[in-house]
Amino acid sequence: MLLLDYARQYETAGYRGLSGFLRFVDSAQEQDDDLAPAVTISEQANVVRIMSVHRSKGLEFPVVFLCGLSRSFNLSDRNAAALLHPQAGFACKRKDPQGMGWYTTVPREALRLEISRSSRAEEMRVLYVAVTRARERLVLVMAERDSAKKLQAALADARGRSLEELIFHISRANDFTRWILLSLARHGDVVSLAEEAGLSLRALGESPAEKRRFQVFRAVWEPEEVEKEPSQGLKLAAPLGAEALTQQLRTQTAYRYPWIQATLTPAKLAASEVAQGESTLQFQSRPQFLLEEGLTPAERGLALHKFMQFCDYHRARESPSDEVKRLVEKAYLTRAEGDSIQLRRVSAFFASPLAGRIFQAGERGELQRELRFLAALGERELGKWRKDIQGGETVTVQGVADCVFFEEGQAVIVDYKTDYVKTPEELAERYSPQLAIYKMILEKSLGYPVKECILYSFGLQKEIQVL
């Protein structure tokens, strides 16, 4: 359901198509920007768990229902024309050069027997794991045609037989049901088995007073009879009267979930989403063949951010064009992204006073690029931007600071922007909430006071002091 919700948000943003959504998810994984996971229950939860036998290994439960015991073993591996076994070796069918037919060989039949034995041994280990998971009660569910005949066959094959004969029958079984019935018949406590099979205890040589140690219930379902006489197969509750039905509907529709606020509060947000007050789940890339038509403004801005993320500052200052070429060759940028970089604006940035401060911090070892952060914030910190965060609910806020450097024991946050704006004030008003959140979280996580938050506009080619 959470995946469907993400897909719905993706289409709400104006995008369509499965391939685009899958590329968006891939992009999120590559950037370590995972989407919020679904809530899972704990191991101690008081619930009914439906799981495979393999997943239940090592666990115990008060009551276990073991179903699907009549499923046939998968022995298809032994039917291939060429067989391979780690101990027995290799064998294959023989081709008749005259009749163009294929015939099995003695080595292949030996391998078929060995593979069958190994497969049944593995199935027996699985059954052992399954029947040892219950602490108090184990319910074995077997759906069989002609169940009475199966019970009679198990009693006939197990009672009074030698161990070698029993092993022979076990080795030819093709499902768990056969093994279980043979074991119950061999157990010596066959009162329930005989009753369900329609056999007398005297015929089996058993005493009627023999103590029961287990119970066998055989439920018979006849589809034809149910269709002819549905009243015998179904017990319908008496219909409710008009007043009782009305009261029931009122009671059900009047129910209000006591923790409704928790359902309205998102579990995880990006810092930009907090500032804008709504989800910004958007598609960040397009298929390669669409890039040939030219990049959108958003994609050109993303390309410039990638350049600033991966470039060598010293090489970019000396020759921006050579650095773009190097990043394209190293596959940090696509050819279309490299062509979209406006070298004049890059040169203007590296010639600015802000770049000079960044270079000095780098020489001191006090420079960090793409600094990722994660913090749990509540109403006190985010209330003025997000009205849906109330009470004791908290939200995990994540973000990435393009550049952080330190001067005299204080941090400076720099965020690169490629938006088209006419005035610096327009850009500052748009992104000041986002930088305020950056400042709040990074002061706690870094342990340093933040003295400046700076926006650098590549469009205006100037730095803008925000906080």
Protein backbone atom coordinates (compact mmCIF):
# COMPACT_ATOMS: atom_id res chain seq x y z
CA MET A 1 0.00 0.00 0.00
CA LEU A 2 2.90 2.35 0.70
CA LEU A 3 4.33 1.61 -2.74
CA LEU A 4 0.97 2.48 -4.31
CA ASP A 5 0.96 5.73 -2.36
CA TYR A 6 4.41 6.65 -3.72
CA ALA A 7 3.23 5.85 -7.26
CA ARG A 8 0.15 8.04 -6.72
CA GLN A 9 2.31 10.96 -5.55
CA TYR A 10 4.57 10.45 -8.56
CA GLU A 11 1.66 10.79 -11.00
CA THR A 12 0.22 13.71 -9.03
CA ALA A 13 3.47 15.57 -9.75
CA GLY A 14 2.60 15.43 -13.46
CA TYR A 15 4.55 12.38 -14.61
CA ARG A 16 3.24 9.16 -16.14
CA GLY A 17 4.46 5.68 -16.93
CA LEU A 18 5.90 2.67 -15.15
CA SER A 19 9.39 3.06 -16.64
CA GLY A 20 9.65 6.61 -15.35
CA PHE A 21 8.59 5.58 -11.86
CA LEU A 22 11.13 2.74 -11.79
CA ARG A 23 13.88 5.12 -12.89
CA PHE A 24 12.86 7.50 -10.11
CA VAL A 25 13.19 4.68 -7.53
CA ASP A 26 16.59 3.70 -8.99
CA SER A 27 17.73 7.31 -8.77
CA ALA A 28 16.66 7.50 -5.12
CA GLN A 29 18.66 4.36 -4.34
CA GLU A 30 21.77 5.60 -6.14
CA GLN A 31 21.68 8.82 -4.10
CA ASP A 32 21.10 6.90 -0.84
CA ASP A 33 17.82 8.78 -0.59
CA ASP A 34 15.62 5.82 0.28
CA LEU A 35 11.89 6.30 0.59
CA ALA A 36 10.28 5.78 3.98
CA PRO A 37 9.71 2.05 4.59
CA ALA A 38 6.45 0.47 5.67
CA VAL A 39 5.92 -0.18 9.36
CA THR A 40 6.54 -3.80 10.34
CA ILE A 41 5.35 -5.65 13.42
CA SER A 42 7.67 -6.85 16.15
CA GLU A 43 8.47 -10.45 16.96
CA GLN A 44 6.54 -10.15 20.26
CA ALA A 45 3.29 -8.90 18.67
CA ASN A 46 0.15 -10.88 19.55
CA VAL A 47 -0.81 -11.74 15.97
CA VAL A 48 -1.36 -14.70 13.69
CA ARG A 49 1.67 -15.12 11.44
CA ILE A 50 1.52 -16.75 8.03
CA MET A 51 4.98 -17.80 6.92
CA SER A 52 6.89 -20.45 5.03
CA VAL A 53 8.55 -23.36 6.79
CA HIS A 54 12.02 -22.02 5.94
CA ARG A 55 11.26 -18.65 7.52
CA SER A 56 9.95 -20.28 10.70
CA LYS A 57 13.28 -22.02 11.37
CA GLY A 58 14.52 -21.27 14.86
CA LEU A 59 11.14 -19.88 16.03
CA GLU A 60 8.48 -21.39 18.30
CA PHE A 61 4.76 -20.70 18.65
CA PRO A 62 2.06 -21.90 21.07
CA VAL A 63 -0.13 -23.28 18.27
CA VAL A 64 0.96 -24.15 14.75
CA PHE A 65 -1.27 -24.96 11.77
CA LEU A 66 0.81 -26.80 9.20
CA CYS A 67 -1.00 -26.62 5.86
CA GLY A 68 -0.31 -27.73 2.30
CA LEU A 69 0.89 -31.19 3.34
CA SER A 70 -0.71 -32.82 0.29
CA ARG A 71 1.47 -30.87 -2.11
CA SER A 72 3.56 -33.23 -4.22
CA PHE A 73 7.33 -33.07 -3.92
CA ASN A 74 9.12 -31.25 -6.71
CA LEU A 75 11.19 -34.00 -8.33
CA SER A 76 11.47 -32.39 -11.75
CA ASP A 77 15.27 -32.15 -11.45
CA ARG A 78 15.59 -35.87 -12.10
CA ASN A 79 13.79 -35.70 -15.48
CA ALA A 80 16.37 -33.69 -17.44
CA ALA A 81 18.16 -35.36 -20.37
CA ALA A 82 21.52 -34.69 -18.69
CA LEU A 83 21.84 -35.14 -14.94
CA LEU A 84 24.59 -33.91 -12.62
CA HIS A 85 25.15 -34.89 -8.99
CA PRO A 86 27.92 -33.57 -6.71
CA GLN A 87 28.89 -37.08 -5.57
CA ALA A 88 27.54 -39.46 -8.22
CA GLY A 89 28.80 -37.46 -11.19
CA PHE A 90 27.32 -36.97 -14.66
CA ALA A 91 25.02 -39.08 -16.83
CA CYS A 92 22.76 -38.46 -19.79
CA LYS A 93 20.38 -40.09 -22.24
CA ARG A 94 21.70 -41.98 -25.27
CA LYS A 95 20.72 -40.98 -28.78
CA ASP A 96 19.90 -43.67 -31.34
CA PRO A 97 21.69 -42.59 -34.56
CA GLN A 98 19.34 -44.60 -36.77
CA GLY A 99 15.92 -44.04 -35.27
CA MET A 100 16.73 -40.53 -33.93
CA GLY A 101 15.26 -41.54 -30.58
CA TRP A 102 16.58 -40.94 -27.09
CA TYR A 103 16.98 -43.69 -24.52
CA THR A 104 17.90 -43.59 -20.89
CA THR A 105 21.05 -45.30 -19.63
CA VAL A 106 21.96 -47.25 -16.54
CA PRO A 107 24.18 -44.44 -15.13
CA ARG A 108 21.35 -41.95 -15.70
CA GLU A 109 18.84 -44.17 -13.90
CA ALA A 110 21.29 -44.48 -11.00
CA LEU A 111 21.55 -40.69 -10.85
CA ARG A 112 17.74 -40.38 -10.97
CA LEU A 113 17.49 -42.63 -7.93
CA GLU A 114 20.19 -40.68 -6.09
CA ILE A 115 18.64 -37.31 -6.92
CA SER A 116 15.22 -38.59 -5.79
CA ARG A 117 16.74 -39.80 -2.53
CA SER A 118 18.49 -36.47 -1.94
CA SER A 119 15.33 -34.49 -2.73
CA ARG A 120 13.21 -36.58 -0.37
CA ALA A 121 15.86 -36.27 2.33
CA GLU A 122 15.71 -32.48 2.03
CA GLU A 123 11.89 -32.56 2.16
CA MET A 124 12.13 -34.69 5.31
CA ARG A 125 14.38 -32.08 6.93
CA VAL A 126 11.84 -29.41 6.03
CA LEU A 127 9.05 -31.47 7.59
CA TYR A 128 11.10 -31.94 10.75
CA VAL A 129 11.53 -28.16 11.06
CA ALA A 130 7.80 -27.65 10.53
CA VAL A 131 6.53 -30.15 13.11
CA THR A 132 8.93 -28.95 15.82
CA ARG A 133 7.76 -25.31 15.83
CA ALA A 134 4.74 -25.85 18.12
CA ARG A 135 5.04 -25.69 21.92
CA GLU A 136 1.48 -26.72 22.88
CA ARG A 137 -0.53 -27.90 19.90
CA LEU A 138 0.24 -28.93 16.33
CA VAL A 139 -2.56 -29.09 13.75
CA LEU A 140 -1.70 -30.94 10.52
CA VAL A 141 -4.00 -30.08 7.61
CA MET A 142 -4.14 -32.55 4.69
CA ALA A 143 -6.50 -32.15 1.74
CA GLU A 144 -6.87 -35.50 -0.04
CA ARG A 145 -9.19 -37.16 -2.49
CA ASP A 146 -10.51 -40.52 -1.21
CA SER A 147 -9.11 -39.85 2.25
CA ALA A 148 -10.53 -43.08 3.64
CA LYS A 149 -8.60 -45.12 1.09
CA LYS A 150 -5.40 -43.21 1.96
CA LEU A 151 -5.90 -44.06 5.63
CA GLN A 152 -6.55 -47.72 4.83
CA ALA A 153 -3.43 -47.88 2.64
CA ALA A 154 -1.28 -46.36 5.39
CA LEU A 155 -2.59 -48.83 7.96
CA ALA A 156 -2.00 -51.75 5.60
CA ASP A 157 1.55 -50.64 4.73
CA ALA A 158 2.64 -49.85 8.29
CA ARG A 159 0.93 -52.35 10.61
CA GLY A 160 2.84 -55.60 11.07
CA ARG A 161 5.57 -54.66 8.60
CA SER A 162 9.27 -54.91 9.17
CA LEU A 163 11.42 -51.81 9.38
CA GLU A 164 12.92 -52.53 5.93
CA GLU A 165 9.43 -52.73 4.38
CA LEU A 166 8.41 -49.48 6.05
CA ILE A 167 11.54 -47.74 4.77
CA PHE A 168 10.67 -48.92 1.27
CA HIS A 169 7.22 -47.31 1.49
CA ILE A 170 8.71 -44.10 2.94
CA SER A 171 11.24 -43.86 0.09
CA ARG A 172 8.44 -44.03 -2.50
CA ALA A 173 6.23 -41.35 -0.90
CA ASN A 174 5.58 -38.24 -2.98
CA ASP A 175 4.07 -35.94 -0.35
CA PHE A 176 4.11 -35.18 3.36
CA THR A 177 0.67 -36.73 3.88
CA ARG A 178 1.96 -40.21 3.09
CA TRP A 179 4.84 -39.87 5.55
CA ILE A 180 2.61 -38.57 8.33
CA LEU A 181 -0.02 -41.28 7.91
CA LEU A 182 2.64 -44.00 7.84
CA SER A 183 4.13 -42.60 11.04
CA LEU A 184 0.74 -42.42 12.78
CA ALA A 185 -0.14 -45.95 11.69
CA ARG A 186 3.21 -47.25 12.93
CA HIS A 187 2.78 -45.40 16.22
CA GLY A 188 0.56 -48.11 17.70
CA ASP A 189 -2.23 -45.68 18.65
CA VAL A 190 -4.55 -46.16 15.68
CA VAL A 191 -8.01 -45.82 17.20
CA SER A 192 -8.80 -42.53 15.42
CA LEU A 193 -7.21 -43.70 12.17
CA ALA A 194 -9.26 -46.91 12.15
CA GLU A 195 -12.51 -45.07 12.88
CA GLU A 196 -11.97 -42.59 10.06
CA ALA A 197 -10.86 -45.34 7.68
CA GLY A 198 -13.97 -47.40 8.45
CA LEU A 199 -11.99 -50.37 9.77
CA SER A 200 -12.58 -52.37 12.93
CA LEU A 201 -9.95 -52.52 15.62
CA ARG A 202 -10.28 -56.31 15.71
CA ALA A 203 -9.21 -56.47 12.07
CA LEU A 204 -6.11 -54.56 13.04
CA GLY A 205 -5.44 -56.65 16.11
CA GLU A 206 -5.92 -53.70 18.45
CA SER A 207 -7.72 -53.49 21.78
CA PRO A 208 -10.81 -51.23 21.91
CA ALA A 209 -9.60 -49.92 25.27
CA GLU A 210 -6.32 -48.70 23.80
CA LYS A 211 -5.58 -45.17 24.93
CA ARG A 212 -5.84 -42.39 22.37
CA ARG A 213 -2.74 -40.26 22.01
CA PHE A 214 -3.82 -38.13 19.09
CA GLN A 215 -7.01 -37.21 17.27
CA VAL A 216 -7.82 -37.50 13.56
CA PHE A 217 -10.71 -35.55 12.09
CA ARG A 218 -11.73 -36.25 8.51
CA ALA A 219 -13.96 -33.56 7.03
CA VAL A 220 -15.68 -34.55 3.77
CA TRP A 221 -16.75 -31.93 1.24
CA GLU A 222 -18.99 -32.97 -1.63
CA PRO A 223 -19.43 -30.10 -4.12
CA GLU A 224 -22.37 -31.72 -5.93
CA GLU A 225 -24.35 -32.23 -2.73
CA VAL A 226 -23.69 -28.68 -1.54
CA GLU A 227 -24.99 -27.27 -4.81
CA LYS A 228 -28.16 -29.35 -4.63
CA GLU A 229 -28.90 -28.62 -0.98
CA PRO A 230 -27.21 -25.36 -0.04
CA SER A 231 -29.18 -25.05 3.18
CA GLN A 232 -27.33 -28.07 4.61
CA GLY A 233 -23.92 -26.68 3.81
CA LEU A 234 -24.51 -23.09 4.91
CA LYS A 235 -25.93 -21.65 8.11
CA LEU A 236 -27.06 -18.09 7.55
CA ALA A 237 -27.60 -15.72 10.45
CA ALA A 238 -31.05 -14.28 10.85
CA PRO A 239 -31.36 -10.88 9.13
CA LEU A 240 -31.28 -7.81 11.33
CA GLY A 241 -34.35 -5.70 11.72
CA ALA A 242 -34.45 -2.15 10.39
CA GLU A 243 -33.86 -0.52 13.80
CA ALA A 244 -31.07 -2.90 14.79
CA LEU A 245 -29.39 -2.48 11.41
CA THR A 246 -29.64 1.31 11.66
CA GLN A 247 -28.10 1.28 15.13
CA GLN A 248 -25.28 -1.00 13.96
CA LEU A 249 -24.49 1.30 11.03
CA ARG A 250 -24.49 4.35 13.33
CA THR A 251 -22.12 2.65 15.75
CA GLN A 252 -19.71 1.65 13.01
CA THR A 253 -19.72 4.98 11.15
CA ALA A 254 -19.36 6.98 14.38
CA TYR A 255 -16.07 5.32 15.27
CA ARG A 256 -13.08 7.62 15.25
CA TYR A 257 -9.52 6.37 15.24
CA PRO A 258 -7.98 7.65 18.51
CA TRP A 259 -4.56 8.34 16.96
CA ILE A 260 -5.76 10.08 13.82
CA GLN A 261 -3.00 12.70 14.02
CA ALA A 262 -0.37 10.00 13.55
CA THR A 263 -1.94 9.06 10.20
CA LEU A 264 -1.72 12.68 9.02
CA THR A 265 1.91 13.16 9.98
CA PRO A 266 4.47 11.97 7.40
CA ALA A 267 7.17 9.65 8.68
CA LYS A 268 10.00 11.21 6.68
CA LEU A 269 10.48 14.50 4.83
CA ALA A 270 13.19 16.29 2.93
CA ALA A 271 14.19 19.68 4.25
CA SER A 272 12.78 21.29 1.11
CA GLU A 273 9.42 19.59 1.73
CA VAL A 274 9.26 21.01 5.23
CA ALA A 275 9.89 24.52 3.97
CA GLN A 276 7.40 24.29 1.10
CA GLY A 277 4.71 22.63 3.23
CA GLU A 278 3.92 19.88 0.73
CA SER A 279 5.46 16.81 -0.83
CA THR A 280 8.05 17.41 -3.54
CA LEU A 281 8.30 13.80 -4.68
CA GLN A 282 9.31 14.39 -8.30
CA PHE A 283 10.96 12.63 -11.18
CA GLN A 284 14.63 13.66 -11.40
CA SER A 285 15.79 12.03 -14.64
CA ARG A 286 14.58 10.86 -18.01
CA PRO A 287 15.49 7.95 -20.29
CA GLN A 288 18.67 8.46 -22.32
CA PHE A 289 16.86 8.69 -25.65
CA LEU A 290 14.78 11.64 -24.39
CA LEU A 291 17.91 13.54 -23.40
CA GLU A 292 18.75 13.91 -27.08
CA GLU A 293 15.83 16.34 -27.35
CA GLY A 294 17.57 18.69 -24.89
CA LEU A 295 17.52 19.05 -21.13
CA THR A 296 14.74 20.79 -19.26
CA PRO A 297 15.66 23.74 -17.01
CA ALA A 298 15.35 21.49 -13.94
CA GLU A 299 17.67 18.92 -15.51
CA ARG A 300 20.21 21.60 -16.42
CA GLY A 301 20.16 22.76 -12.82
CA LEU A 302 20.65 19.20 -11.61
CA ALA A 303 23.58 18.80 -14.02
CA LEU A 304 25.28 21.89 -12.57
CA HIS A 305 24.76 20.57 -9.04
CA LYS A 306 26.36 17.28 -10.05
CA PHE A 307 29.30 19.17 -11.52
CA MET A 308 29.79 21.09 -8.27
CA GLN A 309 29.49 17.85 -6.31
CA PHE A 310 32.11 15.82 -8.21
CA CYS A 311 34.48 18.38 -9.72
CA ASP A 312 38.01 19.05 -8.53
CA TYR A 313 37.82 22.67 -7.36
CA HIS A 314 41.41 23.49 -8.35
CA ARG A 315 41.04 21.99 -11.85
CA ALA A 316 37.67 23.69 -12.31
CA ARG A 317 39.18 27.07 -11.37
CA GLU A 318 42.03 26.66 -13.86
CA SER A 319 39.97 25.24 -16.75
CA PRO A 320 36.23 24.59 -16.35
CA SER A 321 35.97 23.09 -19.84
CA ASP A 322 38.69 20.51 -19.16
CA GLU A 323 37.06 19.55 -15.88
CA VAL A 324 33.67 19.09 -17.56
CA LYS A 325 35.34 16.88 -20.18
CA ARG A 326 37.00 14.81 -17.45
CA LEU A 327 33.71 14.24 -15.59
CA VAL A 328 31.99 13.18 -18.80
CA GLU A 329 34.77 10.69 -19.54
CA LYS A 330 34.51 9.32 -15.98
CA ALA A 331 30.70 8.99 -16.43
CA TYR A 332 29.89 11.39 -13.61
CA LEU A 333 28.01 13.42 -16.20
CA THR A 334 26.30 12.39 -19.41
CA ARG A 335 27.29 14.01 -22.67
CA ALA A 336 24.08 16.06 -22.67
CA GLU A 337 24.66 17.18 -19.07
CA GLY A 338 28.24 18.19 -19.83
CA ASP A 339 27.13 20.26 -22.83
CA SER A 340 24.53 22.03 -20.66
CA ILE A 341 27.12 23.39 -18.17
CA GLN A 342 27.52 27.13 -18.70
CA LEU A 343 31.26 27.58 -18.32
CA ARG A 344 31.01 31.33 -17.99
CA ARG A 345 28.92 31.02 -14.83
CA VAL A 346 31.23 28.36 -13.40
CA SER A 347 34.23 30.64 -13.98
CA ALA A 348 32.40 33.51 -12.30
CA PHE A 349 31.80 31.40 -9.20
CA PHE A 350 35.43 30.27 -8.83
CA ALA A 351 36.55 33.88 -9.22
CA SER A 352 34.19 35.11 -6.49
CA PRO A 353 35.19 36.01 -2.91
CA LEU A 354 33.05 33.14 -1.63
CA ALA A 355 35.13 30.65 -3.64
CA GLY A 356 38.26 32.18 -2.15
CA ARG A 357 36.95 31.49 1.37
CA ILE A 358 36.09 27.92 0.33
CA PHE A 359 39.63 27.33 -1.03
CA GLN A 360 41.18 28.63 2.18
CA ALA A 361 38.98 26.29 4.26
CA GLY A 362 39.96 23.40 2.00
CA GLU A 363 43.65 24.09 2.59
CA ARG A 364 42.99 23.97 6.35
CA GLY A 365 41.05 20.70 6.01
CA GLU A 366 37.83 22.38 7.16
CA LEU A 367 35.71 21.87 4.05
CA GLN A 368 32.91 19.34 3.49
CA ARG A 369 30.88 18.88 0.32
CA GLU A 370 27.51 17.16 0.04
CA LEU A 371 27.12 16.92 3.82
CA ARG A 372 24.14 14.67 4.48
CA PHE A 373 22.12 14.94 7.67
CA LEU A 374 19.19 13.21 9.34
CA ALA A 375 17.25 14.36 12.42
CA ALA A 376 13.96 13.68 14.22
CA LEU A 377 12.06 16.93 14.74
CA GLY A 378 8.66 17.71 16.23
CA GLU A 379 6.09 20.46 16.46
CA ARG A 380 8.39 22.79 18.44
CA GLU A 381 10.97 22.90 15.64
CA LEU A 382 8.73 22.58 12.56
CA GLY A 383 5.38 23.94 13.72
CA LYS A 384 5.67 27.29 11.94
CA TRP A 385 6.13 25.55 8.57
CA ARG A 386 4.10 22.35 8.94
CA LYS A 387 0.67 22.53 10.57
CA ASP A 388 0.16 18.75 10.23
CA ILE A 389 2.84 18.03 12.88
CA GLN A 390 1.18 18.32 16.25
CA GLY A 391 1.35 16.88 19.74
CA GLY A 392 4.11 14.42 20.41
CA GLU A 393 4.53 13.30 16.80
CA THR A 394 8.00 13.54 15.27
CA VAL A 395 9.18 13.51 11.67
CA THR A 396 12.50 12.34 10.31
CA VAL A 397 13.95 15.23 8.29
CA GLN A 398 16.77 14.60 5.84
CA GLY A 399 18.74 16.89 3.59
CA VAL A 400 22.05 17.56 1.88
CA ALA A 401 24.09 20.72 2.32
CA ASP A 402 25.97 21.49 -0.90
CA CYS A 403 28.97 22.93 0.92
CA VAL A 404 29.91 23.50 4.58
CA PHE A 405 33.19 25.07 5.68
CA PHE A 406 34.53 26.36 8.99
CA GLU A 407 36.04 29.70 9.93
CA GLU A 408 37.32 30.48 13.43
CA GLY A 409 35.38 27.63 15.01
CA GLN A 410 32.10 28.52 13.30
CA ALA A 411 30.34 26.88 10.35
CA VAL A 412 29.24 28.48 7.10
CA ILE A 413 26.53 26.76 5.01
CA VAL A 414 26.52 27.33 1.25
CA ASP A 415 23.65 26.23 -0.99
CA TYR A 416 23.97 26.47 -4.78
CA LYS A 417 20.90 27.63 -6.70
CA THR A 418 20.21 27.72 -10.44
CA ASP A 419 16.69 29.19 -10.30
CA TYR A 420 15.82 31.97 -12.72
CA VAL A 421 15.02 35.02 -10.58
CA LYS A 422 15.12 38.74 -11.16
CA THR A 423 16.26 39.89 -7.72
CA PRO A 424 18.29 38.41 -4.85
CA GLU A 425 15.41 39.12 -2.48
CA GLU A 426 13.16 36.76 -4.42
CA LEU A 427 15.64 33.91 -4.01
CA ALA A 428 16.25 34.65 -0.34
CA GLU A 429 12.52 34.68 0.43
CA ARG A 430 12.04 31.37 -1.37
CA TYR A 431 14.82 29.43 0.37
CA SER A 432 15.28 31.05 3.77
CA PRO A 433 13.05 28.44 5.53
CA GLN A 434 15.10 25.61 4.02
CA LEU A 435 18.38 27.15 5.20
CA ALA A 436 16.88 27.80 8.63
CA ILE A 437 16.24 24.05 8.93
CA TYR A 438 19.78 23.33 7.72
CA LYS A 439 21.14 25.66 10.38
CA MET A 440 18.99 24.13 13.15
CA ILE A 441 19.99 20.53 12.40
CA LEU A 442 23.67 21.08 11.57
CA GLU A 443 24.32 23.08 14.73
CA LYS A 444 23.14 20.07 16.74
CA SER A 445 24.89 17.41 14.68
CA LEU A 446 28.21 19.23 14.11
CA GLY A 447 28.46 20.79 17.54
CA TYR A 448 29.50 24.14 16.02
CA PRO A 449 27.50 27.37 15.78
CA VAL A 450 26.50 28.37 12.26
CA LYS A 451 27.46 31.99 11.66
CA GLU A 452 26.33 32.34 8.03
CA CYS A 453 23.91 30.73 5.58
CA ILE A 454 24.71 31.74 2.02
CA LEU A 455 22.86 31.17 -1.24
CA TYR A 456 25.00 31.37 -4.35
CA SER A 457 22.92 32.14 -7.43
CA PHE A 458 24.53 30.98 -10.67
CA GLY A 459 21.85 32.90 -12.56
CA LEU A 460 22.65 36.22 -10.85
CA GLN A 461 26.32 35.26 -10.38
CA LYS A 462 26.41 36.54 -6.85
CA GLU A 463 26.22 35.33 -3.25
CA ILE A 464 23.22 36.15 -1.07
CA GLN A 465 23.38 36.31 2.71
CA VAL A 466 20.22 34.71 4.12
CA LEU A 467 20.79 34.10 7.86
